[in-house]
Amino acid sequence: MAGVSHRVAPEHIHPDDVPVLTALAALADPVRITLVRELAGSPEWSRACGSFDVPVGKAALSHHFSVLRGAGLVEQRDEGPRRVNRLRRKEFDARFPGLLDLVLRD
């Protein structure tokens, strides 16, 4: 049973099912903006949750990823003991054209 995760798999909401206010609320937090920006600059599935440089603890980080999943912005999967992430850029851009471009500007 080595490598089997006992964590519950994360639930994902497709961006097509996300109201605009949910998307805007998810992107209104500075920590979540940082997560989205770092994911946008990384190859898909290359970033584990603990690899982000944000000023919050594990529980708060888990909450921020939950909000991003609920807004259709992030997809996660377990790879052994790590939970890795990808930004759902293509899907999110199809639902909210231009919104991520605005968020990702410095």
Protein backbone atom coordinates (compact mmCIF):
# COMPACT_ATOMS: atom_id res chain seq x y z
CA MET A 1 0.00 0.00 0.00
CA ALA A 2 2.98 2.31 -0.30
CA GLY A 3 2.20 5.60 -2.02
CA VAL A 4 -1.56 5.39 -1.40
CA SER A 5 -3.02 8.61 -0.08
CA HIS A 6 -5.59 8.52 2.69
CA ARG A 7 -6.62 12.10 2.05
CA VAL A 8 -9.92 12.90 0.48
CA ALA A 9 -9.47 13.89 -3.16
CA PRO A 10 -10.12 17.59 -3.71
CA GLU A 11 -13.41 18.66 -5.28
CA HIS A 12 -13.15 20.74 -8.42
CA ILE A 13 -15.67 23.20 -9.82
CA HIS A 14 -15.55 23.80 -13.55
CA PRO A 15 -15.21 27.51 -14.41
CA ASP A 16 -18.42 27.27 -16.49
CA ASP A 17 -20.29 26.75 -13.20
CA VAL A 18 -18.71 29.71 -11.39
CA PRO A 19 -20.61 33.00 -10.93
CA VAL A 20 -18.58 36.11 -11.72
CA LEU A 21 -18.79 37.33 -8.10
CA THR A 22 -17.26 34.06 -6.87
CA ALA A 23 -14.37 34.48 -9.31
CA LEU A 24 -13.84 38.11 -8.31
CA ALA A 25 -13.97 37.27 -4.59
CA ALA A 26 -11.38 34.51 -5.06
CA LEU A 27 -9.07 36.94 -6.82
CA ALA A 28 -9.55 39.73 -4.29
CA ASP A 29 -7.15 38.31 -1.69
CA PRO A 30 -3.41 39.14 -1.90
CA VAL A 31 -2.34 35.61 -0.88
CA ARG A 32 -4.53 34.05 -3.56
CA ILE A 33 -3.23 36.52 -6.15
CA THR A 34 0.31 35.41 -5.25
CA LEU A 35 -0.66 31.75 -5.63
CA VAL A 36 -2.26 32.39 -9.03
CA ARG A 37 0.71 34.42 -10.24
CA GLU A 38 3.22 31.78 -9.16
CA LEU A 39 1.16 29.03 -10.79
CA ALA A 40 0.91 31.06 -13.99
CA GLY A 41 4.70 31.20 -14.13
CA SER A 42 5.23 27.48 -13.47
CA PRO A 43 4.79 24.37 -15.60
CA GLU A 44 1.54 22.51 -14.97
CA TRP A 45 1.59 20.05 -12.08
CA SER A 46 5.05 21.17 -10.97
CA ARG A 47 4.12 23.04 -7.78
CA ALA A 48 3.28 21.32 -4.52
CA CYS A 49 1.17 23.25 -2.04
CA GLY A 50 4.09 23.75 0.33
CA SER A 51 6.33 25.26 -2.36
CA PHE A 52 4.70 28.70 -2.38
CA ASP A 53 6.27 31.64 -0.57
CA VAL A 54 3.22 33.09 1.18
CA PRO A 55 2.96 34.43 4.75
CA VAL A 56 0.32 31.97 6.01
CA GLY A 57 0.30 28.66 7.84
CA LYS A 58 -0.73 25.28 6.43
CA ALA A 59 -4.39 25.55 7.47
CA ALA A 60 -4.79 29.01 5.93
CA LEU A 61 -2.97 27.89 2.78
CA SER A 62 -5.34 24.93 2.49
CA HIS A 63 -8.28 27.34 2.80
CA HIS A 64 -6.88 29.61 0.07
CA PHE A 65 -6.48 26.65 -2.30
CA SER A 66 -10.04 25.56 -1.49
CA VAL A 67 -11.33 29.01 -2.46
CA LEU A 68 -9.34 28.91 -5.70
CA ARG A 69 -10.71 25.44 -6.52
CA GLY A 70 -14.22 26.65 -5.75
CA ALA A 71 -13.75 29.48 -8.22
CA GLY A 72 -12.57 27.11 -10.95
CA LEU A 73 -9.07 28.61 -10.97
CA VAL A 74 -6.99 25.72 -9.70
CA GLU A 75 -6.97 21.98 -10.17
CA GLN A 76 -5.14 19.75 -7.70
CA ARG A 77 -4.12 16.11 -7.59
CA ASP A 78 -2.20 13.94 -5.18
CA GLU A 79 1.16 12.51 -6.18
CA GLY A 80 2.26 10.35 -3.31
CA PRO A 81 2.52 12.54 -0.22
CA ARG A 82 2.41 15.77 -2.27
CA ARG A 83 -0.61 17.64 -3.57
CA VAL A 84 0.33 19.35 -6.83
CA ASN A 85 -1.46 22.15 -8.62
CA ARG A 86 -2.16 23.61 -12.01
CA LEU A 87 -3.78 26.88 -12.99
CA ARG A 88 -6.86 26.21 -15.13
CA ARG A 89 -5.95 29.11 -17.37
CA LYS A 90 -7.53 27.91 -20.61
CA GLU A 91 -10.82 26.93 -18.98
CA PHE A 92 -10.98 30.07 -16.82
CA ASP A 93 -10.14 32.33 -19.77
CA ALA A 94 -12.94 30.76 -21.79
CA ARG A 95 -15.42 31.59 -19.00
CA PHE A 96 -14.01 35.02 -18.04
CA PRO A 97 -12.03 36.37 -21.01
CA GLY A 98 -9.30 38.81 -19.99
CA LEU A 99 -9.81 38.54 -16.23
CA LEU A 100 -6.64 36.55 -15.55
CA ASP A 101 -4.66 38.84 -17.85
CA LEU A 102 -5.66 41.76 -15.61
CA VAL A 103 -4.78 39.87 -12.44
CA LEU A 104 -1.40 38.71 -13.76
CA ARG A 105 -0.21 42.21 -14.65
CA ASP A 106 2.36 43.61 -12.23
